């Protein structure tokens, strides 16, 4: 998973791709947790935070583009 500093430099299309990838990872983690296979439950919160950060960056870049 990329750090927030490297994600800030991505353009809008790359951010949308990163968001889709992170959401897919989040889904897989939730599925593992429901089966009882996930020992590192902190990864769920990290994925949730990463989705929020990416969505915030997308919103900021769209405002700059449109505004």
PDB file of N, CA and C in Angstrom:
ATOM      1  N   UNK A   1       0.837  -1.165   0.000  1.00  0.00           N
ATOM      2  CA  UNK A   1       0.000   0.000   0.000  1.00  0.00           C
ATOM      3  C   UNK A   1       0.888   1.237   0.000  1.00  0.00           C
ATOM      4  N   UNK A   2       0.549   2.192  -0.829  1.00  0.00           N
ATOM      5  CA  UNK A   2       1.345   3.405  -0.960  1.00  0.00           C
ATOM      6  C   UNK A   2       1.114   4.319   0.231  1.00  0.00           C
ATOM      7  N   UNK A   3       2.114   5.123   0.508  1.00  0.00           N
ATOM      8  CA  UNK A   3       1.969   6.105   1.577  1.00  0.00           C
ATOM      9  C   UNK A   3       1.213   7.320   1.046  1.00  0.00           C
ATOM     10  N   UNK A   4       0.723   8.124   1.943  1.00  0.00           N
ATOM     11  CA  UNK A   4      -0.060   9.299   1.546  1.00  0.00           C
ATOM     12  C   UNK A   4       0.800  10.299   0.775  1.00  0.00           C
ATOM     13  N   UNK A   5       2.089  10.364   1.062  1.00  0.00           N
ATOM     14  CA  UNK A   5       2.965  11.294   0.348  1.00  0.00           C
ATOM     15  C   UNK A   5       3.093  10.930  -1.124  1.00  0.00           C
ATOM     16  N   UNK A   6       3.159   9.639  -1.434  1.00  0.00           N
ATOM     17  CA  UNK A   6       3.244   9.237  -2.842  1.00  0.00           C
ATOM     18  C   UNK A   6       1.896   9.347  -3.532  1.00  0.00           C
ATOM     19  N   UNK A   7       0.810   9.211  -2.781  1.00  0.00           N
ATOM     20  CA  UNK A   7      -0.523   9.299  -3.372  1.00  0.00           C
ATOM     21  C   UNK A   7      -0.859  10.742  -3.736  1.00  0.00           C
ATOM     22  N   UNK A   8      -0.352  11.699  -2.990  1.00  0.00           N
ATOM     23  CA  UNK A   8      -0.630  13.106  -3.257  1.00  0.00           C
ATOM     24  C   UNK A   8      -0.148  13.535  -4.639  1.00  0.00           C
ATOM     25  N   UNK A   9       0.863  12.874  -5.161  1.00  0.00           N
ATOM     26  CA  UNK A   9       1.440  13.247  -6.448  1.00  0.00           C
ATOM     27  C   UNK A   9       0.706  12.635  -7.645  1.00  0.00           C
ATOM     28  N   UNK A  10      -0.281  11.780  -7.399  1.00  0.00           N
ATOM     29  CA  UNK A  10      -0.988  11.117  -8.488  1.00  0.00           C
ATOM     30  C   UNK A  10      -2.015  12.055  -9.113  1.00  0.00           C
ATOM     31  N   UNK A  11      -2.310  11.809 -10.398  1.00  0.00           N
ATOM     32  CA  UNK A  11      -3.359  12.596 -11.041  1.00  0.00           C
ATOM     33  C   UNK A  11      -4.722  11.962 -10.739  1.00  0.00           C
ATOM     34  N   UNK A  12      -5.783  12.538 -11.257  1.00  0.00           N
ATOM     35  CA  UNK A  12      -7.140  12.123 -10.915  1.00  0.00           C
ATOM     36  C   UNK A  12      -7.437  10.681 -11.334  1.00  0.00           C
ATOM     37  N   UNK A  13      -7.011  10.290 -12.524  1.00  0.00           N
ATOM     38  CA  UNK A  13      -7.243   8.919 -12.984  1.00  0.00           C
ATOM     39  C   UNK A  13      -6.490   7.908 -12.120  1.00  0.00           C
ATOM     40  N   UNK A  14      -5.267   8.234 -11.792  1.00  0.00           N
ATOM     41  CA  UNK A  14      -4.474   7.338 -10.948  1.00  0.00           C
ATOM     42  C   UNK A  14      -5.062   7.239  -9.544  1.00  0.00           C
ATOM     43  N   UNK A  15      -5.615   8.343  -9.044  1.00  0.00           N
ATOM     44  CA  UNK A  15      -6.272   8.310  -7.736  1.00  0.00           C
ATOM     45  C   UNK A  15      -7.505   7.416  -7.753  1.00  0.00           C
ATOM     46  N   UNK A  16      -8.278   7.504  -8.837  1.00  0.00           N
ATOM     47  CA  UNK A  16      -9.456   6.642  -8.947  1.00  0.00           C
ATOM     48  C   UNK A  16      -9.059   5.166  -9.009  1.00  0.00           C
ATOM     49  N   UNK A  17      -7.964   4.866  -9.692  1.00  0.00           N
ATOM     50  CA  UNK A  17      -7.472   3.488  -9.739  1.00  0.00           C
ATOM     51  C   UNK A  17      -7.000   3.029  -8.364  1.00  0.00           C
ATOM     52  N   UNK A  18      -6.310   3.904  -7.650  1.00  0.00           N
ATOM     53  CA  UNK A  18      -5.846   3.573  -6.303  1.00  0.00           C
ATOM     54  C   UNK A  18      -7.024   3.354  -5.368  1.00  0.00           C
ATOM     55  N   UNK A  19      -8.085   4.137  -5.541  1.00  0.00           N
ATOM     56  CA  UNK A  19      -9.282   3.982  -4.720  1.00  0.00           C
ATOM     57  C   UNK A  19      -9.935   2.630  -4.974  1.00  0.00           C
ATOM     58  N   UNK A  20     -10.043   2.256  -6.235  1.00  0.00           N
ATOM     59  CA  UNK A  20     -10.647   0.964  -6.563  1.00  0.00           C
ATOM     60  C   UNK A  20      -9.818  -0.187  -5.997  1.00  0.00           C
ATOM     61  N   UNK A  21      -8.505  -0.078  -6.108  1.00  0.00           N
ATOM     62  CA  UNK A  21      -7.617  -1.120  -5.596  1.00  0.00           C
ATOM     63  C   UNK A  21      -7.715  -1.232  -4.074  1.00  0.00           C
ATOM     64  N   UNK A  22      -7.770  -0.092  -3.399  1.00  0.00           N
ATOM     65  CA  UNK A  22      -7.852  -0.088  -1.939  1.00  0.00           C
ATOM     66  C   UNK A  22      -9.198  -0.621  -1.469  1.00  0.00           C
ATOM     67  N   UNK A  23     -10.279  -0.276  -2.172  1.00  0.00           N
ATOM     68  CA  UNK A  23     -11.591  -0.815  -1.813  1.00  0.00           C
ATOM     69  C   UNK A  23     -11.647  -2.323  -2.009  1.00  0.00           C
ATOM     70  N   UNK A  24     -10.997  -2.807  -3.058  1.00  0.00           N
ATOM     71  CA  UNK A  24     -10.944  -4.252  -3.288  1.00  0.00           C
ATOM     72  C   UNK A  24     -10.181  -4.938  -2.159  1.00  0.00           C
ATOM     73  N   UNK A  25      -9.080  -4.337  -1.753  1.00  0.00           N
ATOM     74  CA  UNK A  25      -8.297  -4.873  -0.641  1.00  0.00           C
ATOM     75  C   UNK A  25      -9.124  -4.869   0.649  1.00  0.00           C
ATOM     76  N   UNK A  26      -9.870  -3.784   0.861  1.00  0.00           N
ATOM     77  CA  UNK A  26     -10.721  -3.678   2.042  1.00  0.00           C
ATOM     78  C   UNK A  26     -11.785  -4.779   2.029  1.00  0.00           C
ATOM     79  N   UNK A  27     -12.379  -5.044   0.884  1.00  0.00           N
ATOM     80  CA  UNK A  27     -13.380  -6.099   0.761  1.00  0.00           C
ATOM     81  C   UNK A  27     -12.782  -7.461   1.104  1.00  0.00           C
ATOM     82  N   UNK A  28     -11.590  -7.725   0.568  1.00  0.00           N
ATOM     83  CA  UNK A  28     -10.939  -9.004   0.839  1.00  0.00           C
ATOM     84  C   UNK A  28     -10.628  -9.169   2.324  1.00  0.00           C
ATOM     85  N   UNK A  29     -10.211  -8.074   2.970  1.00  0.00           N
ATOM     86  CA  UNK A  29      -9.924  -8.129   4.404  1.00  0.00           C
ATOM     87  C   UNK A  29     -11.189  -8.392   5.210  1.00  0.00           C
ATOM     88  N   UNK A  30     -12.301  -7.730   4.837  1.00  0.00           N
ATOM     89  CA  UNK A  30     -13.566  -7.974   5.546  1.00  0.00           C
ATOM     90  C   UNK A  30     -14.018  -9.413   5.374  1.00  0.00           C
ATOM     91  N   UNK A  31     -13.819  -9.951   4.193  1.00  0.00           N
ATOM     92  CA  UNK A  31     -14.210 -11.336   3.930  1.00  0.00           C
ATOM     93  C   UNK A  31     -13.367 -12.300   4.763  1.00  0.00           C
ATOM     94  N   UNK A  32     -12.065 -12.055   4.835  1.00  0.00           N
ATOM     95  CA  UNK A  32     -11.192 -12.893   5.663  1.00  0.00           C
ATOM     96  C   UNK A  32     -11.591 -12.817   7.126  1.00  0.00           C
ATOM     97  N   UNK A  33     -11.942 -11.612   7.582  1.00  0.00           N
ATOM     98  CA  UNK A  33     -12.342 -11.448   8.978  1.00  0.00           C
ATOM     99  C   UNK A  33     -13.611 -12.224   9.279  1.00  0.00           C
ATOM    100  N   UNK A  34     -14.551 -12.205   8.350  1.00  0.00           N
ATOM    101  CA  UNK A  34     -15.810 -12.915   8.585  1.00  0.00           C
ATOM    102  C   UNK A  34     -15.603 -14.426   8.614  1.00  0.00           C
ATOM    103  N   UNK A  35     -14.603 -14.911   7.896  1.00  0.00           N
ATOM    104  CA  UNK A  35     -14.288 -16.348   7.924  1.00  0.00           C
ATOM    105  C   UNK A  35     -13.440 -16.713   9.130  1.00  0.00           C
ATOM    106  N   UNK A  36     -12.862 -15.716   9.770  1.00  0.00           N
ATOM    107  CA  UNK A  36     -12.005 -15.968  10.921  1.00  0.00           C
ATOM    108  C   UNK A  36     -10.556 -16.204  10.550  1.00  0.00           C
ATOM    109  N   UNK A  37     -10.175 -15.851   9.328  1.00  0.00           N
ATOM    110  CA  UNK A  37      -8.809 -16.069   8.847  1.00  0.00           C
ATOM    111  C   UNK A  37      -7.897 -14.866   9.041  1.00  0.00           C
ATOM    112  N   UNK A  38      -8.441 -13.752   9.514  1.00  0.00           N
ATOM    113  CA  UNK A  38      -7.652 -12.528   9.616  1.00  0.00           C
ATOM    114  C   UNK A  38      -7.124 -12.362  11.036  1.00  0.00           C
ATOM    115  N   UNK A  39      -5.817 -12.507  11.163  1.00  0.00           N
ATOM    116  CA  UNK A  39      -5.186 -12.356  12.476  1.00  0.00           C
ATOM    117  C   UNK A  39      -4.818 -10.902  12.744  1.00  0.00           C
ATOM    118  N   UNK A  40      -4.571 -10.141  11.706  1.00  0.00           N
ATOM    119  CA  UNK A  40      -4.144  -8.741  11.840  1.00  0.00           C
ATOM    120  C   UNK A  40      -5.333  -7.824  11.548  1.00  0.00           C
ATOM    121  N   UNK A  41      -6.212  -7.691  12.524  1.00  0.00           N
ATOM    122  CA  UNK A  41      -7.436  -6.930  12.309  1.00  0.00           C
ATOM    123  C   UNK A  41      -7.182  -5.432  12.151  1.00  0.00           C
ATOM    124  N   UNK A  42      -6.013  -4.954  12.533  1.00  0.00           N
ATOM    125  CA  UNK A  42      -5.697  -3.539  12.365  1.00  0.00           C
ATOM    126  C   UNK A  42      -5.624  -3.143  10.892  1.00  0.00           C
ATOM    127  N   UNK A  43      -5.438  -4.116  10.013  1.00  0.00           N
ATOM    128  CA  UNK A  43      -5.366  -3.823   8.592  1.00  0.00           C
ATOM    129  C   UNK A  43      -6.696  -3.307   8.056  1.00  0.00           C
ATOM    130  N   UNK A  44      -7.800  -3.715   8.686  1.00  0.00           N
ATOM    131  CA  UNK A  44      -9.114  -3.220   8.273  1.00  0.00           C
ATOM    132  C   UNK A  44      -9.214  -1.714   8.475  1.00  0.00           C
ATOM    133  N   UNK A  45      -8.787  -1.248   9.633  1.00  0.00           N
ATOM    134  CA  UNK A  45      -8.842   0.184   9.920  1.00  0.00           C
ATOM    135  C   UNK A  45      -7.900   0.951   9.005  1.00  0.00           C
ATOM    136  N   UNK A  46      -6.732   0.407   8.745  1.00  0.00           N
ATOM    137  CA  UNK A  46      -5.780   1.074   7.861  1.00  0.00           C
ATOM    138  C   UNK A  46      -6.364   1.230   6.458  1.00  0.00           C
ATOM    139  N   UNK A  47      -7.042   0.206   5.980  1.00  0.00           N
ATOM    140  CA  UNK A  47      -7.648   0.274   4.650  1.00  0.00           C
ATOM    141  C   UNK A  47      -8.765   1.317   4.631  1.00  0.00           C
ATOM    142  N   UNK A  48      -9.544   1.376   5.702  1.00  0.00           N
ATOM    143  CA  UNK A  48     -10.630   2.352   5.795  1.00  0.00           C
ATOM    144  C   UNK A  48     -10.081   3.781   5.778  1.00  0.00           C
ATOM    145  N   UNK A  49      -9.019   4.013   6.510  1.00  0.00           N
ATOM    146  CA  UNK A  49      -8.387   5.336   6.550  1.00  0.00           C
ATOM    147  C   UNK A  49      -7.811   5.681   5.178  1.00  0.00           C
ATOM    148  N   UNK A  50      -7.196   4.718   4.525  1.00  0.00           N
ATOM    149  CA  UNK A  50      -6.607   4.963   3.204  1.00  0.00           C
ATOM    150  C   UNK A  50      -7.680   5.339   2.180  1.00  0.00           C
ATOM    151  N   UNK A  51      -8.853   4.672   2.242  1.00  0.00           N
ATOM    152  CA  UNK A  51      -9.959   5.014   1.348  1.00  0.00           C
ATOM    153  C   UNK A  51     -10.391   6.460   1.593  1.00  0.00           C
ATOM    154  N   UNK A  52     -10.522   6.835   2.844  1.00  0.00           N
ATOM    155  CA  UNK A  52     -10.935   8.203   3.176  1.00  0.00           C
ATOM    156  C   UNK A  52      -9.910   9.223   2.683  1.00  0.00           C
ATOM    157  N   UNK A  53      -8.629   8.924   2.841  1.00  0.00           N
ATOM    158  CA  UNK A  53      -7.584   9.848   2.391  1.00  0.00           C
ATOM    159  C   UNK A  53      -7.620  10.022   0.879  1.00  0.00           C
ATOM    160  N   UNK A  54      -7.796   8.918   0.166  1.00  0.00           N
ATOM    161  CA  UNK A  54      -7.826   8.986  -1.296  1.00  0.00           C
ATOM    162  C   UNK A  54      -9.057   9.765  -1.757  1.00  0.00           C
ATOM    163  N   UNK A  55     -10.203   9.516  -1.130  1.00  0.00           N
ATOM    164  CA  UNK A  55     -11.421  10.233  -1.502  1.00  0.00           C
ATOM    165  C   UNK A  55     -11.278  11.731  -1.239  1.00  0.00           C
ATOM    166  N   UNK A  56     -10.596  12.097  -0.167  1.00  0.00           N
ATOM    167  CA  UNK A  56     -10.362  13.500   0.139  1.00  0.00           C
ATOM    168  C   UNK A  56      -9.478  14.135  -0.924  1.00  0.00           C
ATOM    169  N   UNK A  57      -8.431  13.436  -1.324  1.00  0.00           N
ATOM    170  CA  UNK A  57      -7.545  13.966  -2.367  1.00  0.00           C
ATOM    171  C   UNK A  57      -8.281  14.112  -3.699  1.00  0.00           C
ATOM    172  N   UNK A  58      -9.145  13.161  -4.026  1.00  0.00           N
ATOM    173  CA  UNK A  58      -9.925  13.240  -5.264  1.00  0.00           C
ATOM    174  C   UNK A  58     -10.807  14.480  -5.239  1.00  0.00           C
ATOM    175  N   UNK A  59     -11.478  14.705  -4.116  1.00  0.00           N
ATOM    176  CA  UNK A  59     -12.342  15.875  -3.985  1.00  0.00           C
ATOM    177  C   UNK A  59     -11.545  17.162  -4.121  1.00  0.00           C
ATOM    178  N   UNK A  60     -10.392  17.226  -3.487  1.00  0.00           N
ATOM    179  CA  UNK A  60      -9.557  18.427  -3.571  1.00  0.00           C
ATOM    180  C   UNK A  60      -9.100  18.691  -4.996  1.00  0.00           C
ATOM    181  N   UNK A  61      -8.680  17.643  -5.688  1.00  0.00           N
ATOM    182  CA  UNK A  61      -8.183  17.830  -7.053  1.00  0.00           C
ATOM    183  C   UNK A  61      -9.319  18.203  -8.003  1.00  0.00           C
ATOM    184  N   UNK A  62     -10.532  17.661  -7.757  1.00  0.00           N
ATOM    185  CA  UNK A  62     -11.669  18.037  -8.590  1.00  0.00           C
ATOM    186  C   UNK A  62     -12.043  19.502  -8.377  1.00  0.00           C
ATOM    187  N   UNK A  63     -11.957  19.975  -7.121  1.00  0.00           N
ATOM    188  CA  UNK A  63     -12.263  21.386  -6.845  1.00  0.00           C
ATOM    189  C   UNK A  63     -11.258  22.300  -7.515  1.00  0.00           C
ATOM    190  N   UNK A  64     -10.006  21.925  -7.524  1.00  0.00           N
ATOM    191  CA  UNK A  64      -8.975  22.731  -8.187  1.00  0.00           C
ATOM    192  C   UNK A  64      -9.215  22.732  -9.689  1.00  0.00           C
ATOM    193  N   UNK A  65      -9.581  21.588 -10.218  1.00  0.00           N
ATOM    194  CA  UNK A  65      -9.808  21.457 -11.660  1.00  0.00           C
ATOM    195  C   UNK A  65     -11.029  22.276 -12.095  1.00  0.00           C
ATOM    196  N   UNK A  66     -12.085  22.237 -11.306  1.00  0.00           N
ATOM    197  CA  UNK A  66     -13.333  22.930 -11.670  1.00  0.00           C
ATOM    198  C   UNK A  66     -13.392  24.373 -11.192  1.00  0.00           C
ATOM    199  N   UNK A  67     -12.575  24.681 -10.212  1.00  0.00           N
ATOM    200  CA  UNK A  67     -12.759  25.962  -9.577  1.00  0.00           C
ATOM    201  C   UNK A  67     -11.898  27.058  -9.947  1.00  0.00           C
TER     202      UNK A  67
END
